[in-house]
Amino acid sequence: MDPQTAADSANNGNPMLGAIILAVAIAVFAWLLITLQRAAAAVPEPERRFRPGLVWLAIIPFFNTIWWFFVVTRIPESLRCALIRREEAHGDCGRDIGLVFAALGATGTGLVFAGGLAQAIARGFEAISADAGGPVAEFGGSLNGLGMLMILGGIACFAVFVARVHGAASRLRELDLIIRDSAE
């Protein structure tokens, strides 16, 4: 099968499959945000450096590119401080991998945007001259590809980040139960 036939069959496939994949992706993302919100809520109010409901600001396009840096630093910092006060060391609580996620996501998004811009410019060149836009379009495609790879790497880092934050929050809840039971 040649590439054009493959592209045509992919584009003419079942539109329900695309809708199902999108719905699953949205559901997974919402579940991960709920997990982060619950982790932030596990930290008692005086020790909290991030209000749990603020995690939902991450659904705002473009704003979230910067907002993730706040989320991935403040939730783990709150958890780490709360665990230290309970005399429990729990590493960075996911802060470092969270920063990698935020940096990959921001850089990847910027590259995809720049690649799309380069391809739009190439289309303008092609309107002027039949051959002039080729190198610019190829460059734009390369930027898009690199940006998508960075975003995929960021998604993997995000999953690890959420798992580490969840683990730290679970440990904090366990310690609070132990402290509460020993006080009774």
N, C-alpha and C. Protein backbone atom coordinates (compact mmCIF):
# COMPACT_ATOMS: atom_id res chain seq x y z
N MET A 1 0.86 -1.17 0.00
CA MET A 1 0.00 0.00 0.00
C MET A 1 0.90 1.23 0.00
N ASP A 2 0.64 2.14 -0.89
CA ASP A 2 1.45 3.35 -0.96
C ASP A 2 0.98 4.35 0.10
N PRO A 3 1.80 5.34 0.43
CA PRO A 3 1.45 6.29 1.49
C PRO A 3 0.15 7.05 1.24
N GLN A 4 -0.13 7.40 -0.01
CA GLN A 4 -1.35 8.15 -0.31
C GLN A 4 -2.59 7.30 -0.03
N THR A 5 -2.53 6.02 -0.42
CA THR A 5 -3.66 5.13 -0.15
C THR A 5 -3.86 4.96 1.35
N ALA A 6 -2.77 4.84 2.09
CA ALA A 6 -2.87 4.70 3.54
C ALA A 6 -3.47 5.95 4.16
N ALA A 7 -3.04 7.12 3.70
CA ALA A 7 -3.59 8.37 4.22
C ALA A 7 -5.07 8.50 3.89
N ASP A 8 -5.44 8.13 2.66
CA ASP A 8 -6.85 8.20 2.27
C ASP A 8 -7.71 7.26 3.11
N SER A 9 -7.21 6.05 3.36
CA SER A 9 -8.01 5.11 4.15
C SER A 9 -8.10 5.56 5.60
N ALA A 10 -7.04 6.20 6.11
CA ALA A 10 -7.09 6.71 7.48
C ALA A 10 -8.06 7.87 7.59
N ASN A 11 -8.09 8.74 6.59
CA ASN A 11 -8.98 9.89 6.62
C ASN A 11 -10.43 9.51 6.37
N ASN A 12 -10.65 8.44 5.63
CA ASN A 12 -12.01 8.01 5.32
C ASN A 12 -12.49 6.91 6.24
N GLY A 13 -11.77 6.69 7.33
CA GLY A 13 -12.14 5.65 8.28
C GLY A 13 -13.41 6.01 9.03
N ASN A 14 -13.68 5.24 10.03
CA ASN A 14 -14.87 5.40 10.84
C ASN A 14 -14.74 6.66 11.70
N PRO A 15 -15.60 7.65 11.51
CA PRO A 15 -15.50 8.87 12.33
C PRO A 15 -15.82 8.60 13.80
N MET A 16 -16.56 7.54 14.07
CA MET A 16 -16.88 7.20 15.45
C MET A 16 -15.62 6.79 16.22
N LEU A 17 -14.68 6.16 15.52
CA LEU A 17 -13.44 5.75 16.18
C LEU A 17 -12.69 6.98 16.68
N GLY A 18 -12.59 8.01 15.87
CA GLY A 18 -11.95 9.24 16.30
C GLY A 18 -12.66 9.87 17.48
N ALA A 19 -13.99 9.85 17.46
CA ALA A 19 -14.77 10.41 18.57
C ALA A 19 -14.56 9.61 19.85
N ILE A 20 -14.47 8.30 19.71
CA ILE A 20 -14.26 7.44 20.88
C ILE A 20 -12.87 7.68 21.46
N ILE A 21 -11.86 7.77 20.60
CA ILE A 21 -10.50 8.03 21.07
C ILE A 21 -10.43 9.38 21.78
N LEU A 22 -11.07 10.39 21.21
CA LEU A 22 -11.09 11.71 21.84
C LEU A 22 -11.79 11.66 23.19
N ALA A 23 -12.91 10.97 23.27
CA ALA A 23 -13.64 10.87 24.54
C ALA A 23 -12.81 10.15 25.60
N VAL A 24 -12.11 9.10 25.21
CA VAL A 24 -11.26 8.38 26.16
C VAL A 24 -10.12 9.27 26.62
N ALA A 25 -9.50 10.00 25.70
CA ALA A 25 -8.40 10.90 26.06
C ALA A 25 -8.87 11.98 27.03
N ILE A 26 -10.04 12.54 26.80
CA ILE A 26 -10.59 13.57 27.70
C ILE A 26 -10.89 12.97 29.07
N ALA A 27 -11.44 11.77 29.08
CA ALA A 27 -11.76 11.11 30.35
C ALA A 27 -10.49 10.81 31.15
N VAL A 28 -9.46 10.33 30.49
CA VAL A 28 -8.20 10.03 31.18
C VAL A 28 -7.58 11.32 31.72
N PHE A 29 -7.57 12.38 30.92
CA PHE A 29 -7.02 13.66 31.36
C PHE A 29 -7.79 14.18 32.57
N ALA A 30 -9.12 14.09 32.54
CA ALA A 30 -9.94 14.54 33.67
C ALA A 30 -9.64 13.71 34.92
N TRP A 31 -9.48 12.40 34.75
CA TRP A 31 -9.15 11.53 35.88
C TRP A 31 -7.80 11.91 36.48
N LEU A 32 -6.82 12.23 35.63
CA LEU A 32 -5.51 12.64 36.12
C LEU A 32 -5.59 13.98 36.87
N LEU A 33 -6.40 14.90 36.36
CA LEU A 33 -6.57 16.18 37.06
C LEU A 33 -7.27 15.98 38.40
N ILE A 34 -8.24 15.09 38.44
CA ILE A 34 -8.92 14.79 39.71
C ILE A 34 -7.92 14.20 40.70
N THR A 35 -7.04 13.33 40.20
CA THR A 35 -6.01 12.74 41.06
C THR A 35 -5.10 13.82 41.63
N LEU A 36 -4.70 14.78 40.80
CA LEU A 36 -3.87 15.89 41.29
C LEU A 36 -4.63 16.76 42.29
N GLN A 37 -5.91 17.00 42.01
CA GLN A 37 -6.71 17.81 42.93
C GLN A 37 -6.82 17.12 44.29
N ARG A 38 -7.05 15.82 44.29
CA ARG A 38 -7.15 15.08 45.55
C ARG A 38 -5.82 15.06 46.29
N ALA A 39 -4.72 14.97 45.54
CA ALA A 39 -3.40 14.98 46.17
C ALA A 39 -3.16 16.33 46.84
N ALA A 40 -3.52 17.41 46.16
CA ALA A 40 -3.35 18.74 46.75
C ALA A 40 -4.26 18.90 47.97
N ALA A 41 -5.43 18.31 47.93
CA ALA A 41 -6.37 18.41 49.04
C ALA A 41 -5.92 17.57 50.24
N ALA A 42 -5.05 16.59 50.02
CA ALA A 42 -4.56 15.75 51.12
C ALA A 42 -3.67 16.52 52.07
N VAL A 43 -3.12 17.62 51.60
CA VAL A 43 -2.23 18.44 52.43
C VAL A 43 -3.10 19.34 53.31
N PRO A 44 -2.91 19.31 54.63
CA PRO A 44 -3.70 20.18 55.51
C PRO A 44 -3.51 21.66 55.15
N GLU A 45 -4.55 22.42 55.39
CA GLU A 45 -4.59 23.84 54.99
C GLU A 45 -3.37 24.66 55.39
N PRO A 46 -2.89 24.59 56.60
CA PRO A 46 -1.75 25.47 56.92
C PRO A 46 -0.47 25.11 56.15
N GLU A 47 -0.34 23.89 55.71
CA GLU A 47 0.86 23.45 55.00
C GLU A 47 0.72 23.55 53.48
N ARG A 48 -0.47 23.85 53.02
CA ARG A 48 -0.79 23.84 51.59
C ARG A 48 -0.21 25.06 50.88
N ARG A 49 0.44 24.82 49.74
CA ARG A 49 1.00 25.89 48.92
C ARG A 49 0.28 26.01 47.58
N PHE A 50 -0.80 25.25 47.45
CA PHE A 50 -1.55 25.24 46.18
C PHE A 50 -2.98 24.84 46.50
N ARG A 51 -3.92 25.68 46.13
CA ARG A 51 -5.33 25.35 46.37
C ARG A 51 -5.75 24.27 45.37
N PRO A 52 -6.39 23.20 45.84
CA PRO A 52 -6.70 22.05 44.99
C PRO A 52 -7.51 22.38 43.74
N GLY A 53 -8.48 23.25 43.82
CA GLY A 53 -9.32 23.56 42.67
C GLY A 53 -8.58 24.26 41.54
N LEU A 54 -7.45 24.87 41.85
CA LEU A 54 -6.69 25.59 40.83
C LEU A 54 -6.09 24.67 39.77
N VAL A 55 -6.04 23.38 40.06
CA VAL A 55 -5.48 22.45 39.08
C VAL A 55 -6.29 22.47 37.78
N TRP A 56 -7.56 22.83 37.86
CA TRP A 56 -8.44 22.83 36.68
C TRP A 56 -8.14 23.98 35.72
N LEU A 57 -7.34 24.93 36.13
CA LEU A 57 -6.92 25.98 35.20
C LEU A 57 -6.05 25.41 34.07
N ALA A 58 -5.59 24.19 34.26
CA ALA A 58 -4.76 23.53 33.25
C ALA A 58 -5.53 23.16 31.99
N ILE A 59 -6.84 23.31 32.00
CA ILE A 59 -7.60 22.99 30.79
C ILE A 59 -7.72 24.20 29.85
N ILE A 60 -7.23 25.36 30.29
CA ILE A 60 -7.30 26.56 29.46
C ILE A 60 -6.16 26.52 28.43
N PRO A 61 -6.50 26.49 27.14
CA PRO A 61 -5.44 26.42 26.12
C PRO A 61 -4.50 27.62 26.20
N PHE A 62 -3.26 27.37 25.89
CA PHE A 62 -2.16 28.34 25.88
C PHE A 62 -1.79 28.79 27.29
N PHE A 63 -2.75 29.17 28.12
CA PHE A 63 -2.47 29.53 29.50
C PHE A 63 -1.83 28.36 30.24
N ASN A 64 -2.30 27.14 29.91
CA ASN A 64 -1.80 25.97 30.61
C ASN A 64 -0.32 25.72 30.37
N THR A 65 0.21 26.23 29.27
CA THR A 65 1.63 26.05 28.97
C THR A 65 2.48 26.62 30.11
N ILE A 66 2.08 27.74 30.66
CA ILE A 66 2.78 28.35 31.79
C ILE A 66 2.27 27.80 33.11
N TRP A 67 0.97 27.57 33.20
CA TRP A 67 0.35 27.14 34.46
C TRP A 67 0.91 25.82 34.96
N TRP A 68 1.28 24.91 34.05
CA TRP A 68 1.81 23.62 34.48
C TRP A 68 3.05 23.78 35.35
N PHE A 69 3.86 24.81 35.09
CA PHE A 69 5.05 25.01 35.90
C PHE A 69 4.68 25.29 37.37
N PHE A 70 3.56 25.97 37.58
CA PHE A 70 3.10 26.21 38.95
C PHE A 70 2.57 24.92 39.57
N VAL A 71 1.80 24.18 38.80
CA VAL A 71 1.21 22.93 39.31
C VAL A 71 2.30 21.94 39.71
N VAL A 72 3.28 21.75 38.83
CA VAL A 72 4.28 20.70 39.06
C VAL A 72 5.32 21.08 40.11
N THR A 73 5.34 22.33 40.52
CA THR A 73 6.26 22.70 41.60
C THR A 73 5.55 22.83 42.94
N ARG A 74 4.35 23.39 42.93
CA ARG A 74 3.69 23.69 44.20
C ARG A 74 3.01 22.49 44.86
N ILE A 75 2.39 21.62 44.08
CA ILE A 75 1.77 20.44 44.70
C ILE A 75 2.84 19.54 45.32
N PRO A 76 3.90 19.18 44.59
CA PRO A 76 4.94 18.36 45.24
C PRO A 76 5.62 19.05 46.43
N GLU A 77 5.80 20.36 46.34
CA GLU A 77 6.40 21.10 47.45
C GLU A 77 5.52 21.02 48.69
N SER A 78 4.22 21.16 48.50
CA SER A 78 3.28 21.04 49.63
C SER A 78 3.35 19.65 50.25
N LEU A 79 3.35 18.63 49.39
CA LEU A 79 3.40 17.25 49.89
C LEU A 79 4.72 16.98 50.62
N ARG A 80 5.82 17.43 50.03
CA ARG A 80 7.14 17.20 50.62
C ARG A 80 7.24 17.85 52.00
N CYS A 81 6.79 19.10 52.10
CA CYS A 81 6.84 19.80 53.39
C CYS A 81 5.94 19.13 54.43
N ALA A 82 4.76 18.70 54.00
CA ALA A 82 3.85 18.03 54.93
C ALA A 82 4.45 16.70 55.41
N LEU A 83 5.10 15.98 54.51
CA LEU A 83 5.73 14.71 54.91
C LEU A 83 6.93 14.94 55.82
N ILE A 84 7.70 15.98 55.55
CA ILE A 84 8.85 16.29 56.41
C ILE A 84 8.38 16.65 57.81
N ARG A 85 7.30 17.37 57.92
CA ARG A 85 6.76 17.73 59.25
C ARG A 85 6.31 16.49 60.02
N ARG A 86 6.01 15.44 59.30
CA ARG A 86 5.63 14.17 59.94
C ARG A 86 6.83 13.23 60.04
N GLU A 87 8.02 13.81 59.86
CA GLU A 87 9.29 13.10 59.96
C GLU A 87 9.38 11.94 58.97
N GLU A 88 8.96 12.19 57.77
CA GLU A 88 9.00 11.20 56.68
C GLU A 88 9.64 11.86 55.47
N ALA A 89 10.71 11.27 54.98
CA ALA A 89 11.35 11.77 53.75
C ALA A 89 10.75 11.00 52.57
N HIS A 90 10.34 11.73 51.55
CA HIS A 90 9.70 11.08 50.40
C HIS A 90 10.25 11.63 49.09
N GLY A 91 11.52 12.00 49.08
CA GLY A 91 12.13 12.50 47.85
C GLY A 91 11.53 13.83 47.42
N ASP A 92 11.49 14.03 46.13
CA ASP A 92 10.98 15.30 45.60
C ASP A 92 9.48 15.26 45.32
N CYS A 93 8.82 14.14 45.60
CA CYS A 93 7.37 13.96 45.41
C CYS A 93 6.94 14.22 43.96
N GLY A 94 7.84 13.98 43.02
CA GLY A 94 7.49 14.13 41.61
C GLY A 94 7.84 15.47 41.00
N ARG A 95 8.44 16.37 41.76
CA ARG A 95 8.72 17.72 41.26
C ARG A 95 9.61 17.70 40.02
N ASP A 96 10.71 16.95 40.06
CA ASP A 96 11.67 16.97 38.95
C ASP A 96 11.06 16.44 37.66
N ILE A 97 10.39 15.30 37.72
CA ILE A 97 9.78 14.75 36.50
C ILE A 97 8.63 15.65 36.04
N GLY A 98 7.98 16.33 36.98
CA GLY A 98 6.94 17.29 36.61
C GLY A 98 7.51 18.48 35.84
N LEU A 99 8.69 18.94 36.26
CA LEU A 99 9.33 20.03 35.53
C LEU A 99 9.76 19.59 34.13
N VAL A 100 10.21 18.34 34.01
CA VAL A 100 10.55 17.82 32.68
C VAL A 100 9.30 17.79 31.81
N PHE A 101 8.18 17.32 32.37
CA PHE A 101 6.91 17.32 31.63
C PHE A 101 6.54 18.72 31.17
N ALA A 102 6.59 19.69 32.09
CA ALA A 102 6.18 21.05 31.74
C ALA A 102 7.10 21.65 30.68
N ALA A 103 8.41 21.40 30.80
CA ALA A 103 9.35 21.93 29.81
C ALA A 103 9.16 21.27 28.45
N LEU A 104 8.98 19.95 28.42
CA LEU A 104 8.74 19.27 27.15
C LEU A 104 7.44 19.74 26.51
N GLY A 105 6.41 19.89 27.32
CA GLY A 105 5.12 20.34 26.79
C GLY A 105 5.19 21.74 26.23
N ALA A 106 5.83 22.64 26.96
CA ALA A 106 5.93 24.03 26.49
C ALA A 106 6.78 24.13 25.23
N THR A 107 7.91 23.44 25.22
CA THR A 107 8.79 23.48 24.06
C THR A 107 8.14 22.80 22.86
N GLY A 108 7.53 21.65 23.10
CA GLY A 108 6.85 20.94 22.01
C GLY A 108 5.71 21.75 21.41
N THR A 109 4.94 22.40 22.27
CA THR A 109 3.85 23.25 21.78
C THR A 109 4.39 24.40 20.94
N GLY A 110 5.47 25.00 21.41
CA GLY A 110 6.09 26.09 20.66
C GLY A 110 6.61 25.62 19.30
N LEU A 111 7.19 24.43 19.26
CA LEU A 111 7.70 23.91 18.00
C LEU A 111 6.58 23.57 17.02
N VAL A 112 5.50 23.00 17.54
CA VAL A 112 4.35 22.69 16.67
C VAL A 112 3.76 23.99 16.11
N PHE A 113 3.65 25.00 16.95
CA PHE A 113 3.15 26.29 16.49
C PHE A 113 4.07 26.88 15.43
N ALA A 114 5.39 26.86 15.68
CA ALA A 114 6.36 27.41 14.72
C ALA A 114 6.35 26.61 13.42
N GLY A 115 6.19 25.28 13.53
CA GLY A 115 6.13 24.46 12.33
C GLY A 115 4.90 24.76 11.49
N GLY A 116 3.77 24.96 12.15
CA GLY A 116 2.55 25.34 11.42
C GLY A 116 2.70 26.69 10.76
N LEU A 117 3.34 27.61 11.45
CA LEU A 117 3.58 28.94 10.89
C LEU A 117 4.49 28.84 9.66
N ALA A 118 5.55 28.03 9.75
CA ALA A 118 6.46 27.86 8.61
C ALA A 118 5.73 27.24 7.42
N GLN A 119 4.86 26.28 7.69
CA GLN A 119 4.11 25.66 6.60
C GLN A 119 3.12 26.65 5.97
N ALA A 120 2.54 27.52 6.78
CA ALA A 120 1.65 28.54 6.23
C ALA A 120 2.42 29.52 5.36
N ILE A 121 3.61 29.87 5.79
CA ILE A 121 4.46 30.75 4.99
C ILE A 121 4.83 30.05 3.68
N ALA A 122 5.12 28.76 3.75
CA ALA A 122 5.48 28.00 2.54
C ALA A 122 4.33 28.01 1.55
N ARG A 123 3.09 27.88 2.05
CA ARG A 123 1.94 27.93 1.14
C ARG A 123 1.85 29.29 0.45
N GLY A 124 2.24 30.34 1.16
CA GLY A 124 2.28 31.67 0.56
C GLY A 124 3.35 31.76 -0.51
N PHE A 125 4.52 31.16 -0.24
CA PHE A 125 5.59 31.13 -1.24
C PHE A 125 5.15 30.35 -2.48
N GLU A 126 4.44 29.25 -2.26
CA GLU A 126 4.00 28.42 -3.38
C GLU A 126 2.99 29.15 -4.25
N ALA A 127 2.23 30.08 -3.65
CA ALA A 127 1.29 30.87 -4.44
C ALA A 127 2.03 31.83 -5.36
N ILE A 128 3.22 32.25 -4.93
CA ILE A 128 4.03 33.16 -5.74
C ILE A 128 4.82 32.41 -6.79
N SER A 129 5.47 31.32 -6.35
CA SER A 129 6.32 30.55 -7.24
C SER A 129 6.09 29.07 -6.96
N ALA A 130 5.98 28.27 -7.97
CA ALA A 130 5.64 26.86 -7.82
C ALA A 130 6.65 26.08 -6.98
N ASP A 131 7.90 26.47 -6.95
CA ASP A 131 8.93 25.69 -6.28
C ASP A 131 9.45 26.33 -5.00
N ALA A 132 9.16 27.58 -4.75
CA ALA A 132 9.82 28.34 -3.68
C ALA A 132 9.49 27.86 -2.28
N GLY A 133 8.34 27.27 -2.03
CA GLY A 133 7.94 26.93 -0.67
C GLY A 133 8.43 25.59 -0.19
N GLY A 134 9.04 24.77 -1.04
CA GLY A 134 9.44 23.41 -0.66
C GLY A 134 10.32 23.31 0.57
N PRO A 135 11.47 24.00 0.62
CA PRO A 135 12.34 23.89 1.79
C PRO A 135 11.69 24.42 3.07
N VAL A 136 10.93 25.48 2.95
CA VAL A 136 10.28 26.05 4.14
C VAL A 136 9.21 25.08 4.64
N ALA A 137 8.47 24.46 3.74
CA ALA A 137 7.46 23.49 4.14
C ALA A 137 8.10 22.28 4.81
N GLU A 138 9.22 21.82 4.27
CA GLU A 138 9.93 20.69 4.87
C GLU A 138 10.43 21.06 6.27
N PHE A 139 10.97 22.27 6.40
CA PHE A 139 11.42 22.73 7.71
C PHE A 139 10.26 22.77 8.70
N GLY A 140 9.11 23.29 8.25
CA GLY A 140 7.93 23.34 9.10
C GLY A 140 7.47 21.95 9.51
N GLY A 141 7.53 21.02 8.57
CA GLY A 141 7.16 19.65 8.89
C GLY A 141 8.11 19.03 9.91
N SER A 142 9.40 19.35 9.78
CA SER A 142 10.39 18.85 10.75
C SER A 142 10.13 19.42 12.14
N LEU A 143 9.81 20.71 12.20
CA LEU A 143 9.48 21.32 13.49
C LEU A 143 8.24 20.67 14.09
N ASN A 144 7.23 20.42 13.27
CA ASN A 144 6.02 19.75 13.76
C ASN A 144 6.35 18.36 14.31
N GLY A 145 7.14 17.61 13.57
CA GLY A 145 7.50 16.26 14.01
C GLY A 145 8.26 16.28 15.32
N LEU A 146 9.26 17.16 15.42
CA LEU A 146 10.03 17.26 16.65
C LEU A 146 9.14 17.71 17.82
N GLY A 147 8.27 18.67 17.55
CA GLY A 147 7.35 19.13 18.59
C GLY A 147 6.42 18.03 19.07
N MET A 148 5.91 17.24 18.16
CA MET A 148 5.02 16.13 18.55
C MET A 148 5.77 15.08 19.36
N LEU A 149 7.01 14.80 18.99
CA LEU A 149 7.81 13.86 19.79
C LEU A 149 8.03 14.39 21.20
N MET A 150 8.28 15.68 21.31
CA MET A 150 8.46 16.26 22.64
C MET A 150 7.17 16.21 23.45
N ILE A 151 6.06 16.46 22.79
CA ILE A 151 4.77 16.40 23.49
C ILE A 151 4.48 14.97 23.95
N LEU A 152 4.77 13.99 23.11
CA LEU A 152 4.56 12.59 23.51
C LEU A 152 5.45 12.22 24.69
N GLY A 153 6.71 12.68 24.66
CA GLY A 153 7.58 12.45 25.81
C GLY A 153 7.05 13.14 27.06
N GLY A 154 6.51 14.33 26.88
CA GLY A 154 5.91 15.05 28.00
C GLY A 154 4.71 14.33 28.59
N ILE A 155 3.92 13.71 27.72
CA ILE A 155 2.76 12.94 28.21
C ILE A 155 3.23 11.78 29.08
N ALA A 156 4.29 11.10 28.65
CA ALA A 156 4.83 10.00 29.46
C ALA A 156 5.33 10.52 30.80
N CYS A 157 6.02 11.65 30.80
CA CYS A 157 6.50 12.26 32.05
C CYS A 157 5.33 12.69 32.94
N PHE A 158 4.25 13.16 32.32
CA PHE A 158 3.07 13.57 33.08
C PHE A 158 2.48 12.38 33.83
N ALA A 159 2.42 11.23 33.18
CA ALA A 159 1.88 10.03 33.84
C ALA A 159 2.75 9.65 35.04
N VAL A 160 4.05 9.72 34.89
CA VAL A 160 4.96 9.41 36.00
C VAL A 160 4.80 10.45 37.11
N PHE A 161 4.68 11.71 36.74
CA PHE A 161 4.48 12.78 37.71
C PHE A 161 3.22 12.53 38.55
N VAL A 162 2.12 12.24 37.89
CA VAL A 162 0.86 12.01 38.61
C VAL A 162 1.00 10.81 39.53
N ALA A 163 1.68 9.76 39.07
CA ALA A 163 1.86 8.57 39.91
C ALA A 163 2.68 8.91 41.16
N ARG A 164 3.73 9.70 41.00
CA ARG A 164 4.57 10.06 42.15
C ARG A 164 3.83 10.97 43.13
N VAL A 165 3.08 11.91 42.60
CA VAL A 165 2.29 12.79 43.46
C VAL A 165 1.23 11.97 44.20
N HIS A 166 0.59 11.06 43.50
CA HIS A 166 -0.43 10.21 44.12
C HIS A 166 0.19 9.36 45.23
N GLY A 167 1.38 8.81 44.97
CA GLY A 167 2.06 8.01 45.98
C GLY A 167 2.40 8.82 47.22
N ALA A 168 2.88 10.02 47.03
CA ALA A 168 3.22 10.88 48.17
C ALA A 168 1.96 11.26 48.95
N ALA A 169 0.88 11.56 48.23
CA ALA A 169 -0.37 11.92 48.90
C ALA A 169 -0.93 10.72 49.67
N SER A 170 -0.82 9.54 49.11
CA SER A 170 -1.28 8.32 49.80
C SER A 170 -0.49 8.11 51.09
N ARG A 171 0.83 8.30 51.01
CA ARG A 171 1.67 8.14 52.19
C ARG A 171 1.30 9.19 53.25
N LEU A 172 1.03 10.40 52.83
CA LEU A 172 0.63 11.46 53.76
C LEU A 172 -0.67 11.08 54.47
N ARG A 173 -1.63 10.55 53.71
CA ARG A 173 -2.91 10.12 54.33
C ARG A 173 -2.67 9.00 55.33
N GLU A 174 -1.80 8.04 54.98
CA GLU A 174 -1.48 6.94 55.90
C GLU A 174 -0.88 7.47 57.20
N LEU A 175 0.08 8.38 57.08
CA LEU A 175 0.71 8.94 58.27
C LEU A 175 -0.29 9.70 59.13
N ASP A 176 -1.17 10.45 58.49
CA ASP A 176 -2.19 11.19 59.24
C ASP A 176 -3.12 10.23 59.98
N LEU A 177 -3.46 9.09 59.35
CA LEU A 177 -4.30 8.09 60.04
C LEU A 177 -3.56 7.47 61.22
N ILE A 178 -2.28 7.19 61.05
CA ILE A 178 -1.48 6.63 62.13
C ILE A 178 -1.40 7.61 63.29
N ILE A 179 -1.16 8.87 62.98
CA ILE A 179 -1.05 9.90 64.02
C ILE A 179 -2.41 10.05 64.72
N ARG A 180 -3.50 10.05 63.95
CA ARG A 180 -4.83 10.19 64.53
C ARG A 180 -5.17 9.00 65.42
N ASP A 181 -4.82 7.78 64.98
CA ASP A 181 -5.11 6.57 65.77
C ASP A 181 -4.28 6.52 67.05
N SER A 182 -3.04 6.98 66.99
CA SER A 182 -2.19 6.94 68.19
C SER A 182 -2.62 8.02 69.19
N ALA A 183 -3.26 9.09 68.72
CA ALA A 183 -3.71 10.15 69.62
C ALA A 183 -4.97 9.73 70.36
N GLU A 184 -5.70 8.77 69.83
CA GLU A 184 -6.96 8.35 70.48
C GLU A 184 -6.75 7.38 71.55
